[in-house]
Amino acid sequence: MIPETRVGKIVLVVDDETDFLATYERLLRRQGYDVVTATTRAAGIDAVGRKHPHLVISDVRLPDGSGLDVVRAARGVLNPPPVIVVTGYPSEQSRRAALAAGATMFISKPFAASALMAAVQSGLADGRDTGA
């Protein structure tokens, strides 16, 4: 049974790798979240403004620029959602850059499904959930 608190929660996932998008969608939908996907920086920024997600997950490297621009866009809206940054190229510098841009958490690819879901649940429970 899906907890009532997850029903209607929108999670925006921005990643250009279709295999990862499919994994995100499968895991998140199974837990009762509504999932919106984007494969480019521009589409991710647009979705932040149009879909008003409760949580954003963004890759750092996108075909048209940096996923950190998606982070900044998400953090710049009224009632900003928590943002989880993922990358296949982790470094201390990229972690610091993500946190400086406003990311709530930083996860390296590949990741365990349990680690992703724990980050999602923590992000939504940290008090920054918009409740919209």
N, C-alpha and C. Protein backbone atom coordinates (compact mmCIF):
# COMPACT_ATOMS: atom_id res chain seq x y z
N MET A 1 0.84 -1.18 0.00
CA MET A 1 0.00 0.00 0.00
C MET A 1 0.88 1.25 0.00
N ILE A 2 0.52 2.23 -0.80
CA ILE A 2 1.27 3.48 -0.91
C ILE A 2 0.82 4.43 0.18
N PRO A 3 1.78 4.98 0.94
CA PRO A 3 1.40 5.94 1.98
C PRO A 3 0.68 7.15 1.39
N GLU A 4 -0.34 7.63 2.07
CA GLU A 4 -1.15 8.76 1.62
C GLU A 4 -0.27 9.99 1.36
N THR A 5 0.79 10.17 2.12
CA THR A 5 1.63 11.36 1.99
C THR A 5 2.38 11.41 0.66
N ARG A 6 2.48 10.31 -0.06
CA ARG A 6 3.20 10.31 -1.34
C ARG A 6 2.28 10.56 -2.52
N VAL A 7 1.01 10.32 -2.36
CA VAL A 7 0.06 10.47 -3.46
C VAL A 7 0.03 11.93 -3.88
N GLY A 8 0.25 12.16 -5.16
CA GLY A 8 0.21 13.50 -5.71
C GLY A 8 1.51 14.28 -5.56
N LYS A 9 2.53 13.69 -4.98
CA LYS A 9 3.83 14.36 -4.87
C LYS A 9 4.53 14.25 -6.21
N ILE A 10 4.93 15.39 -6.75
CA ILE A 10 5.57 15.42 -8.06
C ILE A 10 7.09 15.45 -7.90
N VAL A 11 7.74 14.52 -8.55
CA VAL A 11 9.21 14.47 -8.58
C VAL A 11 9.65 14.71 -10.01
N LEU A 12 10.43 15.75 -10.21
CA LEU A 12 11.01 16.05 -11.52
C LEU A 12 12.38 15.40 -11.60
N VAL A 13 12.60 14.61 -12.65
CA VAL A 13 13.89 13.96 -12.87
C VAL A 13 14.47 14.48 -14.18
N VAL A 14 15.70 15.01 -14.11
CA VAL A 14 16.37 15.55 -15.29
C VAL A 14 17.64 14.73 -15.51
N ASP A 15 17.64 13.95 -16.58
CA ASP A 15 18.79 13.11 -16.91
C ASP A 15 18.71 12.76 -18.38
N ASP A 16 19.83 12.79 -19.08
CA ASP A 16 19.82 12.50 -20.51
C ASP A 16 20.02 11.02 -20.81
N GLU A 17 20.28 10.21 -19.80
CA GLU A 17 20.46 8.78 -20.00
C GLU A 17 19.12 8.06 -19.83
N THR A 18 18.62 7.50 -20.93
CA THR A 18 17.28 6.90 -20.90
C THR A 18 17.17 5.73 -19.94
N ASP A 19 18.25 4.97 -19.77
CA ASP A 19 18.21 3.85 -18.82
C ASP A 19 18.01 4.36 -17.39
N PHE A 20 18.70 5.44 -17.05
CA PHE A 20 18.52 6.00 -15.71
C PHE A 20 17.12 6.59 -15.55
N LEU A 21 16.62 7.28 -16.58
CA LEU A 21 15.26 7.83 -16.49
C LEU A 21 14.25 6.72 -16.24
N ALA A 22 14.39 5.61 -16.95
CA ALA A 22 13.46 4.49 -16.77
C ALA A 22 13.56 3.94 -15.35
N THR A 23 14.77 3.87 -14.82
CA THR A 23 14.96 3.38 -13.45
C THR A 23 14.31 4.33 -12.45
N TYR A 24 14.57 5.62 -12.60
CA TYR A 24 13.95 6.60 -11.71
C TYR A 24 12.42 6.47 -11.75
N GLU A 25 11.89 6.46 -12.96
CA GLU A 25 10.43 6.38 -13.10
C GLU A 25 9.87 5.13 -12.43
N ARG A 26 10.47 3.99 -12.69
CA ARG A 26 9.98 2.74 -12.12
C ARG A 26 10.02 2.78 -10.59
N LEU A 27 11.14 3.19 -10.02
CA LEU A 27 11.27 3.22 -8.57
C LEU A 27 10.32 4.23 -7.92
N LEU A 28 10.25 5.40 -8.49
CA LEU A 28 9.43 6.46 -7.89
C LEU A 28 7.93 6.19 -8.05
N ARG A 29 7.52 5.74 -9.23
CA ARG A 29 6.09 5.43 -9.43
C ARG A 29 5.65 4.28 -8.53
N ARG A 30 6.53 3.30 -8.35
CA ARG A 30 6.21 2.17 -7.48
C ARG A 30 5.93 2.65 -6.05
N GLN A 31 6.57 3.74 -5.66
CA GLN A 31 6.38 4.30 -4.32
C GLN A 31 5.24 5.32 -4.26
N GLY A 32 4.56 5.53 -5.38
CA GLY A 32 3.39 6.40 -5.38
C GLY A 32 3.63 7.84 -5.78
N TYR A 33 4.83 8.16 -6.27
CA TYR A 33 5.10 9.53 -6.69
C TYR A 33 4.69 9.73 -8.13
N ASP A 34 4.28 10.96 -8.46
CA ASP A 34 4.06 11.34 -9.85
C ASP A 34 5.42 11.78 -10.38
N VAL A 35 5.80 11.29 -11.55
CA VAL A 35 7.13 11.56 -12.08
C VAL A 35 7.02 12.36 -13.38
N VAL A 36 7.79 13.44 -13.44
CA VAL A 36 7.93 14.25 -14.64
C VAL A 36 9.39 14.13 -15.04
N THR A 37 9.66 13.89 -16.33
CA THR A 37 11.04 13.73 -16.76
C THR A 37 11.41 14.79 -17.79
N ALA A 38 12.71 15.07 -17.82
CA ALA A 38 13.28 15.97 -18.82
C ALA A 38 14.66 15.43 -19.16
N THR A 39 15.08 15.60 -20.41
CA THR A 39 16.37 15.07 -20.83
C THR A 39 17.39 16.15 -21.14
N THR A 40 17.01 17.41 -20.98
CA THR A 40 17.94 18.51 -21.22
C THR A 40 17.84 19.54 -20.10
N ARG A 41 18.86 20.38 -20.02
CA ARG A 41 18.87 21.48 -19.06
C ARG A 41 17.68 22.40 -19.30
N ALA A 42 17.45 22.78 -20.56
CA ALA A 42 16.37 23.71 -20.88
C ALA A 42 15.01 23.13 -20.50
N ALA A 43 14.79 21.87 -20.83
CA ALA A 43 13.50 21.24 -20.50
C ALA A 43 13.33 21.11 -18.99
N GLY A 44 14.44 20.85 -18.28
CA GLY A 44 14.37 20.76 -16.82
C GLY A 44 14.00 22.09 -16.19
N ILE A 45 14.62 23.15 -16.65
CA ILE A 45 14.31 24.49 -16.13
C ILE A 45 12.86 24.85 -16.42
N ASP A 46 12.41 24.54 -17.63
CA ASP A 46 11.02 24.79 -18.00
C ASP A 46 10.05 24.01 -17.10
N ALA A 47 10.36 22.75 -16.84
CA ALA A 47 9.49 21.91 -16.00
C ALA A 47 9.44 22.40 -14.57
N VAL A 48 10.53 22.95 -14.07
CA VAL A 48 10.53 23.52 -12.71
C VAL A 48 9.44 24.59 -12.62
N GLY A 49 9.38 25.46 -13.61
CA GLY A 49 8.39 26.54 -13.59
C GLY A 49 6.97 26.12 -13.89
N ARG A 50 6.82 25.12 -14.76
CA ARG A 50 5.47 24.71 -15.16
C ARG A 50 4.84 23.65 -14.27
N LYS A 51 5.65 22.73 -13.75
CA LYS A 51 5.10 21.58 -13.02
C LYS A 51 5.12 21.75 -11.50
N HIS A 52 5.88 22.70 -10.98
CA HIS A 52 5.96 22.95 -9.53
C HIS A 52 6.23 21.67 -8.75
N PRO A 53 7.36 21.02 -9.03
CA PRO A 53 7.65 19.75 -8.36
C PRO A 53 7.89 19.91 -6.86
N HIS A 54 7.62 18.84 -6.14
CA HIS A 54 7.88 18.79 -4.70
C HIS A 54 9.34 18.42 -4.43
N LEU A 55 9.99 17.81 -5.44
CA LEU A 55 11.39 17.40 -5.33
C LEU A 55 11.96 17.36 -6.74
N VAL A 56 13.24 17.73 -6.87
CA VAL A 56 13.92 17.67 -8.16
C VAL A 56 15.15 16.77 -8.01
N ILE A 57 15.35 15.91 -9.00
CA ILE A 57 16.56 15.11 -9.10
C ILE A 57 17.19 15.48 -10.44
N SER A 58 18.45 15.94 -10.41
CA SER A 58 19.08 16.36 -11.66
C SER A 58 20.49 15.82 -11.78
N ASP A 59 20.80 15.34 -12.98
CA ASP A 59 22.16 14.97 -13.31
C ASP A 59 22.96 16.26 -13.50
N VAL A 60 24.27 16.18 -13.34
CA VAL A 60 25.11 17.36 -13.52
C VAL A 60 25.38 17.62 -14.99
N ARG A 61 25.77 16.59 -15.70
CA ARG A 61 26.14 16.75 -17.11
C ARG A 61 24.94 16.46 -18.00
N LEU A 62 24.51 17.50 -18.71
CA LEU A 62 23.39 17.38 -19.62
C LEU A 62 23.85 17.83 -21.01
N PRO A 63 23.18 17.40 -22.06
CA PRO A 63 23.67 17.70 -23.41
C PRO A 63 23.71 19.19 -23.75
N ASP A 64 22.90 19.99 -23.11
CA ASP A 64 22.86 21.41 -23.45
C ASP A 64 23.38 22.31 -22.32
N GLY A 65 24.10 21.73 -21.37
CA GLY A 65 24.67 22.55 -20.31
C GLY A 65 24.69 21.83 -18.98
N SER A 66 24.83 22.62 -17.94
CA SER A 66 24.98 22.07 -16.59
C SER A 66 23.64 21.86 -15.89
N GLY A 67 23.52 20.71 -15.26
CA GLY A 67 22.35 20.44 -14.44
C GLY A 67 22.29 21.35 -13.22
N LEU A 68 23.41 22.00 -12.89
CA LEU A 68 23.39 22.93 -11.76
C LEU A 68 22.52 24.15 -12.07
N ASP A 69 22.31 24.43 -13.35
CA ASP A 69 21.37 25.49 -13.72
C ASP A 69 19.94 25.09 -13.35
N VAL A 70 19.63 23.81 -13.45
CA VAL A 70 18.32 23.30 -13.02
C VAL A 70 18.19 23.47 -11.51
N VAL A 71 19.27 23.18 -10.79
CA VAL A 71 19.27 23.35 -9.33
C VAL A 71 18.98 24.80 -8.99
N ARG A 72 19.70 25.71 -9.62
CA ARG A 72 19.50 27.15 -9.34
C ARG A 72 18.07 27.59 -9.67
N ALA A 73 17.53 27.09 -10.77
CA ALA A 73 16.16 27.44 -11.15
C ALA A 73 15.18 26.94 -10.09
N ALA A 74 15.38 25.71 -9.63
CA ALA A 74 14.49 25.14 -8.61
C ALA A 74 14.58 25.92 -7.30
N ARG A 75 15.78 26.30 -6.93
CA ARG A 75 15.97 27.03 -5.67
C ARG A 75 15.47 28.47 -5.77
N GLY A 76 15.24 28.96 -6.99
CA GLY A 76 14.81 30.33 -7.19
C GLY A 76 13.31 30.55 -7.23
N VAL A 77 12.53 29.48 -7.13
CA VAL A 77 11.07 29.63 -7.17
C VAL A 77 10.51 29.84 -5.76
N LEU A 78 9.30 30.35 -5.71
CA LEU A 78 8.60 30.48 -4.44
C LEU A 78 8.40 29.08 -3.86
N ASN A 79 8.67 28.88 -2.59
CA ASN A 79 8.61 27.56 -1.95
C ASN A 79 9.49 26.56 -2.69
N PRO A 80 10.79 26.80 -2.71
CA PRO A 80 11.68 25.93 -3.50
C PRO A 80 11.69 24.49 -3.00
N PRO A 81 11.68 23.55 -3.95
CA PRO A 81 11.74 22.14 -3.57
C PRO A 81 13.17 21.73 -3.24
N PRO A 82 13.34 20.69 -2.46
CA PRO A 82 14.68 20.13 -2.27
C PRO A 82 15.17 19.56 -3.60
N VAL A 83 16.49 19.56 -3.78
CA VAL A 83 17.08 19.09 -5.02
C VAL A 83 18.19 18.09 -4.71
N ILE A 84 18.10 16.95 -5.38
CA ILE A 84 19.13 15.92 -5.29
C ILE A 84 19.92 15.96 -6.59
N VAL A 85 21.22 16.10 -6.49
CA VAL A 85 22.09 16.10 -7.66
C VAL A 85 22.75 14.73 -7.77
N VAL A 86 22.75 14.17 -8.98
CA VAL A 86 23.42 12.90 -9.23
C VAL A 86 24.46 13.10 -10.32
N THR A 87 25.52 12.34 -10.24
CA THR A 87 26.55 12.44 -11.27
C THR A 87 27.32 11.14 -11.39
N GLY A 88 27.73 10.87 -12.59
CA GLY A 88 28.60 9.73 -12.85
C GLY A 88 30.07 10.11 -12.77
N TYR A 89 30.33 11.39 -12.49
CA TYR A 89 31.69 11.91 -12.41
C TYR A 89 31.90 12.62 -11.07
N PRO A 90 31.81 11.87 -9.97
CA PRO A 90 31.89 12.51 -8.65
C PRO A 90 33.29 13.00 -8.31
N SER A 91 33.33 14.13 -7.66
CA SER A 91 34.57 14.66 -7.11
C SER A 91 34.18 15.60 -5.97
N GLU A 92 35.13 15.91 -5.14
CA GLU A 92 34.85 16.85 -4.05
C GLU A 92 34.47 18.22 -4.62
N GLN A 93 35.11 18.61 -5.72
CA GLN A 93 34.80 19.89 -6.35
C GLN A 93 33.36 19.90 -6.89
N SER A 94 32.93 18.83 -7.54
CA SER A 94 31.56 18.79 -8.06
C SER A 94 30.54 18.73 -6.93
N ARG A 95 30.86 18.05 -5.84
CA ARG A 95 29.96 18.01 -4.69
C ARG A 95 29.80 19.41 -4.11
N ARG A 96 30.92 20.11 -3.93
CA ARG A 96 30.85 21.48 -3.38
C ARG A 96 30.08 22.41 -4.30
N ALA A 97 30.30 22.27 -5.61
CA ALA A 97 29.59 23.12 -6.58
C ALA A 97 28.09 22.87 -6.52
N ALA A 98 27.71 21.61 -6.41
CA ALA A 98 26.28 21.26 -6.33
C ALA A 98 25.65 21.84 -5.07
N LEU A 99 26.32 21.70 -3.95
CA LEU A 99 25.78 22.22 -2.69
C LEU A 99 25.73 23.75 -2.72
N ALA A 100 26.75 24.38 -3.32
CA ALA A 100 26.76 25.84 -3.44
C ALA A 100 25.62 26.34 -4.32
N ALA A 101 25.24 25.54 -5.33
CA ALA A 101 24.13 25.92 -6.22
C ALA A 101 22.78 25.76 -5.53
N GLY A 102 22.76 25.03 -4.40
CA GLY A 102 21.51 24.87 -3.67
C GLY A 102 21.02 23.44 -3.54
N ALA A 103 21.83 22.48 -4.00
CA ALA A 103 21.42 21.08 -3.87
C ALA A 103 21.32 20.69 -2.40
N THR A 104 20.35 19.86 -2.12
CA THR A 104 20.16 19.35 -0.77
C THR A 104 21.04 18.13 -0.52
N MET A 105 21.21 17.31 -1.57
CA MET A 105 22.00 16.09 -1.47
C MET A 105 22.76 15.84 -2.76
N PHE A 106 23.79 15.02 -2.67
CA PHE A 106 24.66 14.70 -3.80
C PHE A 106 24.86 13.18 -3.81
N ILE A 107 24.53 12.54 -4.94
CA ILE A 107 24.62 11.09 -5.06
C ILE A 107 25.44 10.74 -6.29
N SER A 108 26.33 9.75 -6.16
CA SER A 108 27.14 9.29 -7.28
C SER A 108 26.46 8.14 -8.00
N LYS A 109 26.56 8.14 -9.35
CA LYS A 109 26.11 7.03 -10.18
C LYS A 109 27.25 6.03 -10.26
N PRO A 110 26.97 4.76 -10.33
CA PRO A 110 25.66 4.16 -10.12
C PRO A 110 25.32 4.16 -8.63
N PHE A 111 24.05 4.12 -8.34
CA PHE A 111 23.61 4.14 -6.95
C PHE A 111 22.68 2.97 -6.70
N ALA A 112 22.56 2.60 -5.46
CA ALA A 112 21.61 1.55 -5.08
C ALA A 112 20.21 2.15 -5.03
N ALA A 113 19.22 1.39 -5.42
CA ALA A 113 17.84 1.86 -5.39
C ALA A 113 17.47 2.32 -3.98
N SER A 114 17.93 1.58 -2.99
CA SER A 114 17.60 1.94 -1.60
C SER A 114 18.20 3.30 -1.22
N ALA A 115 19.40 3.60 -1.73
CA ALA A 115 20.03 4.90 -1.44
C ALA A 115 19.25 6.03 -2.08
N LEU A 116 18.79 5.83 -3.31
CA LEU A 116 18.00 6.85 -3.98
C LEU A 116 16.70 7.09 -3.22
N MET A 117 16.00 6.02 -2.88
CA MET A 117 14.71 6.18 -2.21
C MET A 117 14.88 6.81 -0.82
N ALA A 118 15.95 6.48 -0.13
CA ALA A 118 16.22 7.11 1.17
C ALA A 118 16.45 8.60 0.99
N ALA A 119 17.17 8.99 -0.06
CA ALA A 119 17.42 10.41 -0.33
C ALA A 119 16.12 11.13 -0.68
N VAL A 120 15.28 10.50 -1.48
CA VAL A 120 13.99 11.10 -1.85
C VAL A 120 13.13 11.30 -0.61
N GLN A 121 13.01 10.27 0.19
CA GLN A 121 12.18 10.37 1.40
C GLN A 121 12.74 11.43 2.35
N SER A 122 14.06 11.46 2.51
CA SER A 122 14.70 12.46 3.38
C SER A 122 14.47 13.87 2.82
N GLY A 123 14.62 14.01 1.53
CA GLY A 123 14.42 15.32 0.91
C GLY A 123 13.01 15.85 1.11
N LEU A 124 12.04 14.99 0.96
CA LEU A 124 10.64 15.41 1.13
C LEU A 124 10.27 15.60 2.58
N ALA A 125 11.00 14.96 3.48
CA ALA A 125 10.67 15.05 4.91
C ALA A 125 11.44 16.15 5.63
N ASP A 126 12.35 16.81 4.94
CA ASP A 126 13.22 17.76 5.62
C ASP A 126 12.59 19.11 5.91
N GLY A 127 11.31 19.23 5.66
CA GLY A 127 10.63 20.48 5.99
C GLY A 127 10.61 21.48 4.85
N ARG A 128 11.25 21.16 3.73
CA ARG A 128 11.24 22.09 2.61
C ARG A 128 10.23 21.69 1.55
N ASP A 129 9.47 20.65 1.83
CA ASP A 129 8.42 20.23 0.90
C ASP A 129 7.39 21.34 0.79
N THR A 130 7.00 21.68 -0.42
CA THR A 130 6.09 22.79 -0.65
C THR A 130 4.66 22.47 -0.21
N GLY A 131 4.32 21.20 -0.18
CA GLY A 131 2.96 20.82 0.21
C GLY A 131 1.93 21.16 -0.84
N ALA A 132 2.36 21.68 -1.99
CA ALA A 132 1.42 22.09 -3.04
C ALA A 132 0.78 20.89 -3.69
